[in-house]
Amino acid sequence: MTPYPLTWLYVPGDRPPVVAKALAAGADVVVIDLEDAVAPDRKEYARAATAELLTDPPPVPVHVRVNALDSPWSAGDLAALAARPGLAGLRLPKVTAPGEIRQVATATPVPLYALLETALGIEQAYAVATAHPALRGIALGEADLRADLGVRADAGLDWARSRVIVAARAAGLAPPPQSVHPDIRDLDGLAASCAHGRSLGFLGRAALHPRQLPVIERAYLPTPAELEHAETVLKAAAAQEGAQALPDGRFIDAAAVTLARRTMSLARRN
C-alpha cells in the first residue's frame, strides 16, 4: 500500500461483481461493506462471499467494514474474516469506547480502524485512538453523526471533524480520511468539500463510486505552487540549519521543513 493512501472506495459485500470492478477501479484501498450497505437478509451471503474473496491476497489492499459489535452479525463477521490472508484491515463502525478496540484486538492480528459516528464516539476520540497498538486509524462516519446531532448545515460538523483530526495526530496515527460525499453526481461539490477538508487537516477521502476517485486524488495531491514552495524550503534548510527567512520574506523553521517533506512525499506517491 502507498504510504499515503488518498482514496478508500466502499462497495457492498453482497455484490461480488461490483466488488470485482472496484478492485480494478484505481482506489488505494477497497472497503468491502458488510454493514449499512447490506440488508439484514443478505448479511450471511455478504460475509461468505467476502471470506471467499479474501482467501488469497487481492490486487489492492482490502479492508472490511464489519457490522457493529453490538449487532447479531458481528461475532460471525470476525470469526469468518480474521484469519483471511487477503484482509488488510478491519473497519469497526460506531465505536464509542476504547474497550471495543481492545476486545477485537484480542481476537485478530489484523490492523484495526475505528469509525466514530456518534456524539459519544467523538467525546471518546483520543481514548479510542490510544486504545491498542493494533489500531491504525480513526475516521468519522458523518451520516450517522448528523442524525445523532440533528445537524443539517455542513459547517455544523467542523468541530467534530477537527476533534477527530487532533485526536488522531495526538495519538501518533495518520491524518484521518474524510467521510464520503453522498451525491456521486456532484463532482464540483465533491471537489469543494475536499478542499475544505484538506484545509482542516484530513488526508484523502472515502468514496462511494469510482468517478469520485480522480476528484479526491487531485484535491489532496500538492499543487504546483505547493511543490515549488516545498522544494524552496528544503533547499534552504539543506544550505543553512535553523530558522531563517526566505528571499520572499516567508519565515521557515523545523515545522516548515516537516511539512515540506510531507508535501514531497505526497507528490512521489505514484
Protein backbone atom coordinates (compact mmCIF):
# COMPACT_ATOMS: atom_id res chain seq x y z
CA MET A 1 0.00 0.00 0.00
CA THR A 2 1.18 3.52 -0.71
CA PRO A 3 2.41 5.28 2.47
CA TYR A 4 -0.24 7.92 1.81
CA PRO A 5 -3.50 6.28 0.70
CA LEU A 6 -5.81 9.01 -0.56
CA THR A 7 -8.80 7.06 -1.86
CA TRP A 8 -10.88 4.49 0.01
CA LEU A 9 -13.62 3.01 -2.20
CA TYR A 10 -16.63 1.48 -0.42
CA VAL A 11 -18.50 -1.37 -2.12
CA PRO A 12 -21.37 -3.61 -0.90
CA GLY A 13 -20.21 -7.03 0.19
CA ASP A 14 -23.27 -8.82 -1.21
CA ARG A 15 -22.46 -7.83 -4.82
CA PRO A 16 -19.34 -9.78 -5.87
CA PRO A 17 -19.35 -8.49 -9.49
CA VAL A 18 -19.33 -4.91 -8.19
CA VAL A 19 -16.54 -5.80 -5.77
CA ALA A 20 -14.50 -7.18 -8.70
CA LYS A 21 -14.97 -3.90 -10.60
CA ALA A 22 -13.99 -1.90 -7.51
CA LEU A 23 -10.72 -3.81 -7.24
CA ALA A 24 -9.81 -2.58 -10.73
CA ALA A 25 -11.08 0.99 -10.30
CA GLY A 26 -7.81 2.55 -9.15
CA ALA A 27 -8.56 3.16 -5.47
CA ASP A 28 -5.71 2.95 -2.99
CA VAL A 29 -7.89 0.84 -0.68
CA VAL A 30 -11.15 -1.01 -1.37
CA VAL A 31 -13.50 -1.24 1.61
CA ILE A 32 -15.99 -4.09 1.40
CA ASP A 33 -19.03 -3.13 3.44
CA LEU A 34 -20.94 -5.74 5.43
CA GLU A 35 -22.80 -3.12 7.48
CA ASP A 36 -25.03 -0.31 6.21
CA ALA A 37 -24.85 -1.27 2.52
CA VAL A 38 -26.16 -4.81 3.14
CA ALA A 39 -29.76 -5.69 4.07
CA PRO A 40 -30.27 -8.00 7.08
CA ASP A 41 -31.36 -10.93 4.93
CA ARG A 42 -28.16 -10.62 2.85
CA LYS A 43 -25.67 -10.39 5.72
CA GLU A 44 -24.64 -14.05 5.77
CA TYR A 45 -24.25 -14.18 1.99
CA ALA A 46 -22.14 -11.00 2.00
CA ARG A 47 -19.92 -12.42 4.74
CA ALA A 48 -19.40 -15.72 2.92
CA ALA A 49 -18.69 -14.04 -0.41
CA THR A 50 -16.17 -11.70 1.21
CA ALA A 51 -14.44 -14.51 3.07
CA GLU A 52 -14.09 -16.45 -0.18
CA LEU A 53 -12.66 -13.43 -2.00
CA LEU A 54 -10.05 -12.91 0.72
CA THR A 55 -8.77 -16.48 0.62
CA ASP A 56 -5.93 -15.06 -1.49
CA PRO A 57 -4.49 -11.53 -1.47
CA PRO A 58 -6.37 -9.29 -3.94
CA PRO A 59 -4.61 -6.87 -6.33
CA VAL A 60 -5.12 -3.89 -3.99
CA PRO A 61 -5.42 -3.68 -0.20
CA VAL A 62 -8.89 -4.65 1.01
CA HIS A 63 -10.47 -3.58 4.27
CA VAL A 64 -13.80 -4.89 5.50
CA ARG A 65 -16.29 -2.81 7.44
CA VAL A 66 -17.88 -5.39 9.69
CA ASN A 67 -21.16 -4.98 11.49
CA ALA A 68 -21.25 -3.07 14.78
CA LEU A 69 -20.06 -5.02 17.80
CA ASP A 70 -23.48 -4.89 19.45
CA SER A 71 -25.20 -6.33 16.37
CA PRO A 72 -26.17 -10.01 15.94
CA TRP A 73 -23.74 -10.37 12.99
CA SER A 74 -20.51 -9.03 14.44
CA ALA A 75 -19.19 -12.23 16.03
CA GLY A 76 -19.77 -14.16 12.81
CA ASP A 77 -18.04 -11.48 10.76
CA LEU A 78 -14.93 -11.55 12.93
CA ALA A 79 -14.81 -15.35 13.05
CA ALA A 80 -15.12 -15.68 9.28
CA LEU A 81 -12.66 -12.95 8.31
CA ALA A 82 -9.99 -12.60 10.99
CA ALA A 83 -7.56 -15.15 9.55
CA ARG A 84 -8.11 -14.50 5.84
CA PRO A 85 -4.78 -13.91 4.01
CA GLY A 86 -6.27 -11.19 1.79
CA LEU A 87 -7.57 -9.00 4.60
CA ALA A 88 -5.53 -5.82 5.11
CA GLY A 89 -7.71 -4.19 7.76
CA LEU A 90 -10.97 -4.28 9.70
CA ARG A 91 -13.06 -1.13 9.93
CA LEU A 92 -15.18 -1.09 13.09
CA PRO A 93 -18.34 1.02 12.89
CA LYS A 94 -19.99 3.06 15.64
CA VAL A 95 -17.13 2.75 18.12
CA THR A 96 -17.86 4.58 21.38
CA ALA A 97 -15.27 3.27 23.85
CA PRO A 98 -11.65 2.02 23.89
CA GLY A 99 -12.74 -1.32 25.33
CA GLU A 100 -14.35 -2.18 22.00
CA ILE A 101 -11.00 -1.86 20.25
CA ARG A 102 -9.25 -3.99 22.83
CA GLN A 103 -11.99 -6.62 22.56
CA VAL A 104 -11.46 -7.04 18.82
CA ALA A 105 -7.66 -6.76 19.04
CA THR A 106 -7.51 -9.83 21.28
CA ALA A 107 -9.38 -11.87 18.66
CA THR A 108 -7.47 -10.96 15.48
CA PRO A 109 -3.99 -9.82 14.42
CA VAL A 110 -5.44 -7.65 11.62
CA PRO A 111 -4.92 -3.87 11.73
CA LEU A 112 -8.00 -2.08 13.05
CA TYR A 113 -9.65 1.21 12.09
CA ALA A 114 -12.33 2.83 14.23
CA LEU A 115 -15.26 4.79 12.83
CA LEU A 116 -16.64 7.42 15.20
CA GLU A 117 -20.28 8.04 14.29
CA THR A 118 -21.99 9.32 17.44
CA ALA A 119 -21.60 12.17 19.91
CA LEU A 120 -20.25 9.69 22.47
CA GLY A 121 -17.73 8.39 19.98
CA ILE A 122 -16.47 11.91 19.29
CA GLU A 123 -16.13 12.59 23.02
CA GLN A 124 -14.04 9.41 23.33
CA ALA A 125 -11.89 10.10 20.24
CA TYR A 126 -8.48 10.25 21.93
CA ALA A 127 -9.22 7.35 24.29
CA VAL A 128 -10.22 5.22 21.29
CA ALA A 129 -7.20 6.37 19.27
CA THR A 130 -4.84 5.20 22.02
CA ALA A 131 -6.74 2.04 23.00
CA HIS A 132 -4.40 -0.58 21.49
CA PRO A 133 -1.36 -0.80 19.18
CA ALA A 134 -3.48 -2.73 16.67
CA LEU A 135 -5.49 0.43 15.99
CA ARG A 136 -4.00 2.11 12.92
CA GLY A 137 -6.51 4.87 12.30
CA ILE A 138 -9.74 6.62 13.22
CA ALA A 139 -12.26 8.36 11.00
CA LEU A 140 -15.69 9.96 11.07
CA GLY A 141 -18.94 8.41 9.93
CA GLU A 142 -20.74 11.62 9.12
CA ALA A 143 -24.17 10.34 8.07
CA ASP A 144 -24.84 8.73 11.45
CA LEU A 145 -23.25 11.64 13.29
CA ARG A 146 -25.54 14.11 11.50
CA ALA A 147 -28.55 12.09 12.62
CA ASP A 148 -27.28 11.83 16.19
CA LEU A 149 -26.61 15.56 16.47
CA GLY A 150 -29.52 16.79 14.37
CA VAL A 151 -27.08 18.74 12.20
CA ARG A 152 -28.31 19.96 8.82
CA ALA A 153 -25.72 22.52 7.69
CA ASP A 154 -22.36 21.03 6.77
CA ALA A 155 -20.47 23.56 8.89
CA GLY A 156 -22.12 22.07 11.97
CA LEU A 157 -19.74 19.09 11.72
CA ASP A 158 -16.49 21.07 11.57
CA TRP A 159 -15.86 20.92 15.30
CA ALA A 160 -16.27 17.14 15.33
CA ARG A 161 -14.03 16.85 12.27
CA SER A 162 -11.28 18.85 13.94
CA ARG A 163 -11.68 16.86 17.16
CA VAL A 164 -11.04 13.59 15.32
CA ILE A 165 -8.11 15.01 13.34
CA VAL A 166 -6.44 16.31 16.51
CA ALA A 167 -7.09 13.05 18.38
CA ALA A 168 -5.53 11.01 15.59
CA ARG A 169 -2.41 13.11 15.42
CA ALA A 170 -2.08 13.31 19.21
CA ALA A 171 -2.15 9.50 19.26
CA GLY A 172 0.52 9.27 16.58
CA LEU A 173 -1.88 7.97 13.93
CA ALA A 174 -2.08 9.04 10.30
CA PRO A 175 -4.34 12.00 9.49
CA PRO A 176 -7.88 10.66 9.01
CA PRO A 177 -9.55 10.49 5.60
CA GLN A 178 -12.74 12.44 5.04
CA SER A 179 -16.12 10.76 5.19
CA VAL A 180 -17.96 10.08 1.92
CA HIS A 181 -19.63 12.74 -0.23
CA PRO A 182 -23.07 11.14 -0.69
CA ASP A 183 -24.04 12.68 -4.06
CA ILE A 184 -21.99 10.69 -6.57
CA ARG A 185 -23.02 13.01 -9.45
CA ASP A 186 -21.97 16.23 -7.73
CA LEU A 187 -18.28 16.28 -8.62
CA ASP A 188 -17.97 20.05 -8.26
CA GLY A 189 -19.43 19.84 -4.78
CA LEU A 190 -17.09 16.96 -4.00
CA ALA A 191 -14.06 19.00 -5.08
CA ALA A 192 -15.14 21.98 -2.96
CA SER A 193 -15.78 19.72 0.03
CA CYS A 194 -12.37 18.07 -0.37
CA ALA A 195 -10.68 21.47 -0.46
CA HIS A 196 -12.39 22.35 2.81
CA GLY A 197 -11.47 19.00 4.35
CA ARG A 198 -7.87 19.40 3.34
CA SER A 199 -7.81 22.83 4.99
CA LEU A 200 -8.95 21.19 8.24
CA GLY A 201 -6.21 18.57 8.16
CA PHE A 202 -7.82 15.49 6.58
CA LEU A 203 -5.74 13.38 4.21
CA GLY A 204 -7.68 11.64 1.45
CA ARG A 205 -11.30 10.59 1.39
CA ALA A 206 -13.70 7.67 1.30
CA ALA A 207 -15.68 7.28 -1.93
CA LEU A 208 -18.92 5.63 -2.99
CA HIS A 209 -18.29 5.47 -6.75
CA PRO A 210 -15.19 5.18 -8.97
CA ARG A 211 -15.99 8.50 -10.66
CA GLN A 212 -15.20 10.23 -7.37
CA LEU A 213 -11.66 8.85 -7.15
CA PRO A 214 -9.80 11.22 -9.50
CA VAL A 215 -11.52 14.24 -7.95
CA ILE A 216 -10.38 13.20 -4.48
CA GLU A 217 -6.85 12.47 -5.61
CA ARG A 218 -6.49 15.82 -7.40
CA ALA A 219 -7.80 17.65 -4.35
CA TYR A 220 -5.30 16.05 -1.98
CA LEU A 221 -2.17 15.98 -4.13
CA PRO A 222 0.08 19.05 -3.85
CA THR A 223 -0.46 21.87 -6.30
CA PRO A 224 2.45 23.11 -8.48
CA ALA A 225 2.77 26.16 -6.22
CA GLU A 226 2.91 23.96 -3.11
CA LEU A 227 5.57 21.76 -4.69
CA GLU A 228 7.64 24.77 -5.68
CA HIS A 229 7.46 26.16 -2.16
CA ALA A 230 8.36 22.78 -0.63
CA GLU A 231 11.41 22.50 -2.87
CA THR A 232 12.48 26.03 -1.91
CA VAL A 233 12.12 25.23 1.79
CA LEU A 234 14.11 22.01 1.56
CA LYS A 235 16.89 23.64 -0.44
CA ALA A 236 17.13 26.48 2.08
CA ALA A 237 17.15 24.02 5.00
CA ALA A 238 19.91 21.98 3.36
CA ALA A 239 22.05 25.09 2.87
CA GLN A 240 21.58 26.53 6.34
CA GLU A 241 20.42 24.94 9.57
CA GLY A 242 17.91 26.56 11.89
CA ALA A 243 15.17 29.12 11.41
CA GLN A 244 15.57 31.58 8.57
CA ALA A 245 13.73 33.89 6.20
CA LEU A 246 13.35 33.05 2.53
CA PRO A 247 14.12 35.69 -0.13
CA ASP A 248 10.38 36.39 -0.49
CA GLY A 249 10.13 37.17 3.23
CA ARG A 250 8.48 33.98 4.40
CA PHE A 251 9.90 32.57 7.64
CA ILE A 252 10.75 28.87 7.85
CA ASP A 253 11.69 26.63 10.76
CA ALA A 254 11.71 22.92 11.61
CA ALA A 255 7.91 22.70 11.34
CA ALA A 256 8.01 24.18 7.82
CA VAL A 257 10.64 21.62 6.84
CA THR A 258 8.50 18.77 8.16
CA LEU A 259 5.53 20.00 6.13
CA ALA A 260 7.69 20.38 3.03
CA ARG A 261 8.92 16.80 3.35
CA ARG A 262 5.36 15.54 3.63
CA THR A 263 4.41 17.55 0.56
CA MET A 264 7.22 16.00 -1.46
CA SER A 265 6.32 12.51 -0.23
CA LEU A 266 2.75 13.00 -1.39
CA ALA A 267 3.99 14.16 -4.78
CA ARG A 268 6.07 10.99 -5.14
CA ARG A 269 3.29 8.60 -4.07
CA ASN A 270 2.66 7.38 -7.64
